[in-house]
């Protein structure tokens, strides 16, 4: 499986995707085509953490006072399913590996994996 979840209005996502060889990838824009329970579960199986998939930089995270709450894995899961902005992005799945977010190390590994 080769899939990437991204937000088309995110300049960082666009910049990262330009670095990737995306032939054979299924590309899903998460605002217009939100992540399903099944898709999120697959991401969880690969990452072993809903918190790792959660975007704590989202404006809503601060606006809703979530940073002051003690959130559980189920909370992170439900928030991601409720609002696309809570999914850390981009998320790429290449075979049985998952690459979450836009950290330099993560992107370097993803570029290496896709540009074989």
N, C-alpha and C. Protein backbone atom coordinates (compact mmCIF):
# COMPACT_ATOMS: atom_id res chain seq x y z
N UNK A 1 0.84 -1.18 0.00
CA UNK A 1 0.00 0.00 0.00
C UNK A 1 0.89 1.24 0.00
N UNK A 2 0.53 2.18 -0.84
CA UNK A 2 1.21 3.47 -0.87
C UNK A 2 0.13 4.54 -0.85
N UNK A 3 0.13 5.32 0.22
CA UNK A 3 -0.92 6.32 0.38
C UNK A 3 -0.36 7.51 1.13
N UNK A 4 -0.87 8.68 0.77
CA UNK A 4 -0.49 9.89 1.50
C UNK A 4 -1.75 10.69 1.81
N UNK A 5 -1.82 11.15 3.05
CA UNK A 5 -2.91 11.99 3.52
C UNK A 5 -2.33 13.39 3.70
N UNK A 6 -2.98 14.39 3.11
CA UNK A 6 -2.44 15.75 3.18
C UNK A 6 -3.58 16.76 3.16
N UNK A 7 -3.21 18.02 3.37
CA UNK A 7 -4.16 19.12 3.32
C UNK A 7 -3.72 20.05 2.19
N UNK A 8 -4.59 20.27 1.22
CA UNK A 8 -4.19 21.03 0.03
C UNK A 8 -3.89 22.50 0.33
N UNK A 9 -4.39 23.01 1.43
CA UNK A 9 -4.11 24.41 1.77
C UNK A 9 -2.84 24.57 2.61
N UNK A 10 -2.18 23.47 2.90
CA UNK A 10 -0.97 23.48 3.73
C UNK A 10 0.26 23.59 2.82
N UNK A 11 0.95 24.72 2.90
CA UNK A 11 2.14 24.93 2.08
C UNK A 11 3.24 23.92 2.39
N UNK A 12 3.35 23.54 3.66
CA UNK A 12 4.37 22.56 4.04
C UNK A 12 4.08 21.21 3.37
N UNK A 13 2.83 20.79 3.36
CA UNK A 13 2.46 19.54 2.69
C UNK A 13 2.81 19.60 1.20
N UNK A 14 2.48 20.72 0.57
CA UNK A 14 2.77 20.87 -0.86
C UNK A 14 4.27 20.79 -1.13
N UNK A 15 5.04 21.46 -0.30
CA UNK A 15 6.50 21.46 -0.46
C UNK A 15 7.07 20.04 -0.30
N UNK A 16 6.58 19.33 0.68
CA UNK A 16 7.04 17.96 0.92
C UNK A 16 6.66 17.06 -0.24
N UNK A 17 5.44 17.17 -0.71
CA UNK A 17 4.98 16.30 -1.79
C UNK A 17 5.76 16.51 -3.08
N UNK A 18 6.25 17.72 -3.30
CA UNK A 18 7.07 18.00 -4.48
C UNK A 18 8.39 17.24 -4.44
N UNK A 19 8.84 16.88 -3.25
CA UNK A 19 10.11 16.16 -3.08
C UNK A 19 9.95 14.65 -3.30
N UNK A 20 8.72 14.18 -3.34
CA UNK A 20 8.45 12.75 -3.37
C UNK A 20 8.15 12.25 -4.77
N UNK A 21 8.52 11.02 -5.00
CA UNK A 21 8.14 10.31 -6.22
C UNK A 21 6.82 9.62 -5.90
N UNK A 22 5.70 10.21 -6.35
CA UNK A 22 4.38 9.76 -5.91
C UNK A 22 3.69 8.80 -6.88
N UNK A 23 4.41 8.32 -7.87
CA UNK A 23 3.83 7.35 -8.80
C UNK A 23 3.40 6.11 -8.02
N UNK A 24 2.17 5.69 -8.23
CA UNK A 24 1.65 4.52 -7.55
C UNK A 24 1.03 4.83 -6.19
N UNK A 25 1.06 6.09 -5.76
CA UNK A 25 0.48 6.48 -4.48
C UNK A 25 -0.98 6.86 -4.65
N UNK A 26 -1.79 6.47 -3.68
CA UNK A 26 -3.15 7.00 -3.57
C UNK A 26 -3.00 8.26 -2.72
N UNK A 27 -3.58 9.36 -3.20
CA UNK A 27 -3.44 10.64 -2.51
C UNK A 27 -4.82 11.06 -2.02
N UNK A 28 -4.91 11.35 -0.73
CA UNK A 28 -6.20 11.74 -0.13
C UNK A 28 -6.08 13.10 0.54
N UNK A 29 -6.87 14.04 0.06
CA UNK A 29 -6.94 15.37 0.64
C UNK A 29 -7.96 15.30 1.78
N UNK A 30 -7.50 15.57 3.01
CA UNK A 30 -8.31 15.24 4.19
C UNK A 30 -9.41 16.22 4.54
N UNK A 31 -9.39 17.42 3.98
CA UNK A 31 -10.48 18.36 4.28
C UNK A 31 -11.74 17.97 3.50
N UNK A 32 -11.58 17.68 2.22
CA UNK A 32 -12.72 17.34 1.37
C UNK A 32 -13.06 15.85 1.42
N UNK A 33 -12.11 15.04 1.87
CA UNK A 33 -12.31 13.60 1.96
C UNK A 33 -11.75 13.13 3.30
N UNK A 34 -12.49 13.37 4.38
CA UNK A 34 -11.98 13.08 5.73
C UNK A 34 -11.57 11.62 5.92
N UNK A 35 -10.66 11.44 6.84
CA UNK A 35 -10.18 10.11 7.21
C UNK A 35 -11.31 9.33 7.85
N UNK A 36 -11.45 8.07 7.46
CA UNK A 36 -12.48 7.19 8.02
C UNK A 36 -11.95 6.47 9.26
N UNK A 37 -12.85 5.86 10.01
CA UNK A 37 -12.45 5.06 11.17
C UNK A 37 -11.47 3.97 10.76
N UNK A 38 -11.76 3.32 9.64
CA UNK A 38 -10.92 2.23 9.16
C UNK A 38 -9.52 2.73 8.79
N UNK A 39 -9.46 3.86 8.10
CA UNK A 39 -8.17 4.43 7.72
C UNK A 39 -7.36 4.83 8.95
N UNK A 40 -8.02 5.45 9.91
CA UNK A 40 -7.34 5.85 11.13
C UNK A 40 -6.86 4.63 11.91
N UNK A 41 -7.66 3.58 11.91
CA UNK A 41 -7.26 2.35 12.59
C UNK A 41 -6.01 1.76 11.94
N UNK A 42 -5.95 1.80 10.62
CA UNK A 42 -4.75 1.30 9.91
C UNK A 42 -3.52 2.13 10.31
N UNK A 43 -3.68 3.45 10.40
CA UNK A 43 -2.58 4.31 10.83
C UNK A 43 -2.15 3.94 12.25
N UNK A 44 -3.13 3.67 13.10
CA UNK A 44 -2.86 3.30 14.49
C UNK A 44 -2.09 1.97 14.55
N UNK A 45 -2.50 1.01 13.73
CA UNK A 45 -1.81 -0.29 13.71
C UNK A 45 -0.32 -0.12 13.37
N UNK A 46 -0.01 0.83 12.52
CA UNK A 46 1.38 1.05 12.11
C UNK A 46 2.15 1.92 13.10
N UNK A 47 1.46 2.87 13.73
CA UNK A 47 2.14 3.81 14.63
C UNK A 47 2.03 3.41 16.10
N UNK A 48 1.02 2.60 16.43
CA UNK A 48 0.75 2.15 17.80
C UNK A 48 0.37 3.30 18.73
N UNK A 49 -0.09 4.43 18.14
CA UNK A 49 -0.44 5.57 18.99
C UNK A 49 -1.31 6.57 18.24
N UNK A 50 -2.46 6.87 18.82
CA UNK A 50 -3.28 7.95 18.27
C UNK A 50 -2.65 9.30 18.60
N UNK A 51 -1.99 9.38 19.73
CA UNK A 51 -1.34 10.63 20.10
C UNK A 51 -0.25 11.01 19.10
N UNK A 52 0.47 10.02 18.59
CA UNK A 52 1.51 10.29 17.59
C UNK A 52 0.91 10.86 16.30
N UNK A 53 -0.34 10.53 16.03
CA UNK A 53 -1.03 11.01 14.84
C UNK A 53 -1.71 12.36 15.05
N UNK A 54 -1.70 12.83 16.27
CA UNK A 54 -2.46 14.03 16.65
C UNK A 54 -1.62 15.29 16.51
N UNK A 55 -2.21 16.30 15.90
CA UNK A 55 -1.55 17.58 15.67
C UNK A 55 -1.80 18.53 16.84
N UNK A 56 -0.81 18.63 17.72
CA UNK A 56 -0.95 19.51 18.88
C UNK A 56 -0.65 20.96 18.54
N UNK A 57 -0.31 21.23 17.30
CA UNK A 57 -0.10 22.61 16.85
C UNK A 57 -1.36 23.23 16.25
N UNK A 58 -2.41 22.43 16.16
CA UNK A 58 -3.67 22.92 15.59
C UNK A 58 -4.22 24.05 16.44
N UNK A 59 -4.74 25.06 15.78
CA UNK A 59 -5.33 26.20 16.48
C UNK A 59 -6.45 25.75 17.42
N UNK A 60 -7.26 24.81 16.96
CA UNK A 60 -8.37 24.32 17.77
C UNK A 60 -7.90 23.65 19.06
N UNK A 61 -6.71 23.07 19.03
CA UNK A 61 -6.16 22.41 20.22
C UNK A 61 -6.04 23.42 21.36
N UNK A 62 -5.54 24.59 21.03
CA UNK A 62 -5.40 25.65 22.04
C UNK A 62 -6.75 26.31 22.32
N UNK A 63 -7.51 26.61 21.26
CA UNK A 63 -8.79 27.30 21.40
C UNK A 63 -9.78 26.52 22.28
N UNK A 64 -9.75 25.21 22.19
CA UNK A 64 -10.68 24.38 22.95
C UNK A 64 -10.12 24.00 24.33
N UNK A 65 -8.95 24.51 24.64
CA UNK A 65 -8.34 24.24 25.94
C UNK A 65 -7.88 22.80 26.12
N UNK A 66 -7.66 22.12 25.01
CA UNK A 66 -7.28 20.71 25.08
C UNK A 66 -5.88 20.50 25.65
N UNK A 67 -5.03 21.52 25.48
CA UNK A 67 -3.66 21.38 25.99
C UNK A 67 -3.62 21.33 27.51
N UNK A 68 -4.69 21.78 28.15
CA UNK A 68 -4.77 21.77 29.61
C UNK A 68 -5.49 20.54 30.15
N UNK A 69 -5.90 19.65 29.25
CA UNK A 69 -6.62 18.45 29.66
C UNK A 69 -5.71 17.24 29.55
N UNK A 70 -6.02 16.23 30.34
CA UNK A 70 -5.27 14.98 30.30
C UNK A 70 -5.99 14.04 29.32
N UNK A 71 -5.60 14.10 28.04
CA UNK A 71 -6.28 13.33 27.01
C UNK A 71 -5.77 11.89 26.95
N UNK A 72 -6.69 10.96 26.71
CA UNK A 72 -6.37 9.55 26.55
C UNK A 72 -6.31 9.21 25.07
N UNK A 73 -5.82 8.02 24.76
CA UNK A 73 -5.74 7.58 23.36
C UNK A 73 -7.11 7.67 22.68
N UNK A 74 -8.16 7.28 23.38
CA UNK A 74 -9.50 7.33 22.79
C UNK A 74 -9.92 8.77 22.50
N UNK A 75 -9.47 9.71 23.31
CA UNK A 75 -9.77 11.12 23.06
C UNK A 75 -9.09 11.59 21.79
N UNK A 76 -7.80 11.24 21.65
CA UNK A 76 -7.07 11.62 20.44
C UNK A 76 -7.75 11.04 19.20
N UNK A 77 -8.14 9.79 19.27
CA UNK A 77 -8.81 9.12 18.16
C UNK A 77 -10.09 9.85 17.78
N UNK A 78 -10.94 10.12 18.77
CA UNK A 78 -12.23 10.76 18.50
C UNK A 78 -12.07 12.18 17.97
N UNK A 79 -11.09 12.90 18.48
CA UNK A 79 -10.85 14.27 18.00
C UNK A 79 -10.38 14.27 16.54
N UNK A 80 -9.52 13.33 16.19
CA UNK A 80 -9.05 13.24 14.79
C UNK A 80 -10.22 12.93 13.87
N UNK A 81 -11.08 12.02 14.28
CA UNK A 81 -12.23 11.65 13.44
C UNK A 81 -13.24 12.79 13.34
N UNK A 82 -13.31 13.61 14.37
CA UNK A 82 -14.28 14.71 14.41
C UNK A 82 -13.84 15.91 13.57
N UNK A 83 -12.52 16.18 13.55
CA UNK A 83 -12.02 17.39 12.90
C UNK A 83 -10.70 17.10 12.18
N UNK A 84 -10.69 17.26 10.86
CA UNK A 84 -9.52 16.94 10.05
C UNK A 84 -8.25 17.65 10.50
N UNK A 85 -8.38 18.83 11.06
CA UNK A 85 -7.21 19.63 11.44
C UNK A 85 -6.39 18.97 12.55
N UNK A 86 -6.99 18.00 13.26
CA UNK A 86 -6.27 17.33 14.34
C UNK A 86 -5.35 16.21 13.86
N UNK A 87 -5.42 15.84 12.59
CA UNK A 87 -4.50 14.84 12.07
C UNK A 87 -3.18 15.52 11.72
N UNK A 88 -2.10 15.05 12.32
CA UNK A 88 -0.78 15.57 11.99
C UNK A 88 -0.53 15.24 10.53
N UNK A 89 0.08 16.16 9.80
CA UNK A 89 0.23 15.93 8.37
C UNK A 89 1.57 16.40 7.85
N UNK A 90 1.94 15.83 6.71
CA UNK A 90 1.26 14.73 6.02
C UNK A 90 1.49 13.41 6.74
N UNK A 91 0.64 12.45 6.42
CA UNK A 91 0.83 11.08 6.87
C UNK A 91 1.00 10.26 5.60
N UNK A 92 2.10 9.53 5.54
CA UNK A 92 2.36 8.68 4.37
C UNK A 92 2.52 7.25 4.85
N UNK A 93 1.93 6.34 4.09
CA UNK A 93 2.08 4.91 4.34
C UNK A 93 2.74 4.33 3.10
N UNK A 94 3.87 3.68 3.32
CA UNK A 94 4.59 3.02 2.25
C UNK A 94 4.79 1.58 2.69
N UNK A 95 4.09 0.69 2.02
CA UNK A 95 4.08 -0.72 2.40
C UNK A 95 3.61 -0.82 3.86
N UNK A 96 4.46 -1.26 4.77
CA UNK A 96 4.05 -1.38 6.17
C UNK A 96 4.76 -0.37 7.06
N UNK A 97 5.20 0.74 6.48
CA UNK A 97 5.83 1.80 7.25
C UNK A 97 4.96 3.05 7.20
N UNK A 98 4.94 3.78 8.31
CA UNK A 98 4.19 5.02 8.38
C UNK A 98 5.13 6.17 8.68
N UNK A 99 4.89 7.29 8.03
CA UNK A 99 5.68 8.50 8.21
C UNK A 99 4.69 9.60 8.59
N UNK A 100 4.86 10.14 9.80
CA UNK A 100 3.88 11.07 10.34
C UNK A 100 4.50 12.44 10.54
N UNK A 101 3.88 13.46 9.95
CA UNK A 101 4.30 14.83 10.20
C UNK A 101 5.40 15.31 9.29
N UNK A 102 5.92 16.49 9.63
CA UNK A 102 6.84 17.17 8.74
C UNK A 102 8.22 17.41 9.37
N UNK A 103 8.57 16.61 10.35
CA UNK A 103 9.90 16.71 10.95
C UNK A 103 10.98 16.39 9.92
N UNK A 104 12.12 17.04 10.03
CA UNK A 104 13.19 16.86 9.05
C UNK A 104 13.60 15.40 8.89
N UNK A 105 13.78 14.71 10.00
CA UNK A 105 14.20 13.31 9.95
C UNK A 105 13.13 12.44 9.28
N UNK A 106 11.88 12.67 9.63
CA UNK A 106 10.77 11.91 9.05
C UNK A 106 10.70 12.12 7.54
N UNK A 107 10.81 13.37 7.12
CA UNK A 107 10.72 13.67 5.69
C UNK A 107 11.92 13.11 4.94
N UNK A 108 13.10 13.19 5.53
CA UNK A 108 14.30 12.62 4.89
C UNK A 108 14.12 11.11 4.68
N UNK A 109 13.57 10.42 5.67
CA UNK A 109 13.33 8.98 5.54
C UNK A 109 12.27 8.70 4.48
N UNK A 110 11.23 9.52 4.44
CA UNK A 110 10.17 9.34 3.45
C UNK A 110 10.69 9.60 2.04
N UNK A 111 11.47 10.63 1.87
CA UNK A 111 12.05 10.94 0.55
C UNK A 111 12.91 9.77 0.10
N UNK A 112 13.73 9.26 0.99
CA UNK A 112 14.59 8.12 0.65
C UNK A 112 13.76 6.90 0.26
N UNK A 113 12.69 6.66 0.99
CA UNK A 113 11.83 5.50 0.73
C UNK A 113 11.08 5.61 -0.60
N UNK A 114 10.67 6.83 -0.97
CA UNK A 114 9.86 6.99 -2.19
C UNK A 114 10.70 7.25 -3.43
N UNK A 115 11.92 7.67 -3.26
CA UNK A 115 12.75 8.01 -4.42
C UNK A 115 13.82 6.96 -4.69
N UNK A 116 13.53 5.73 -4.32
CA UNK A 116 14.46 4.63 -4.51
C UNK A 116 15.00 4.68 -5.86
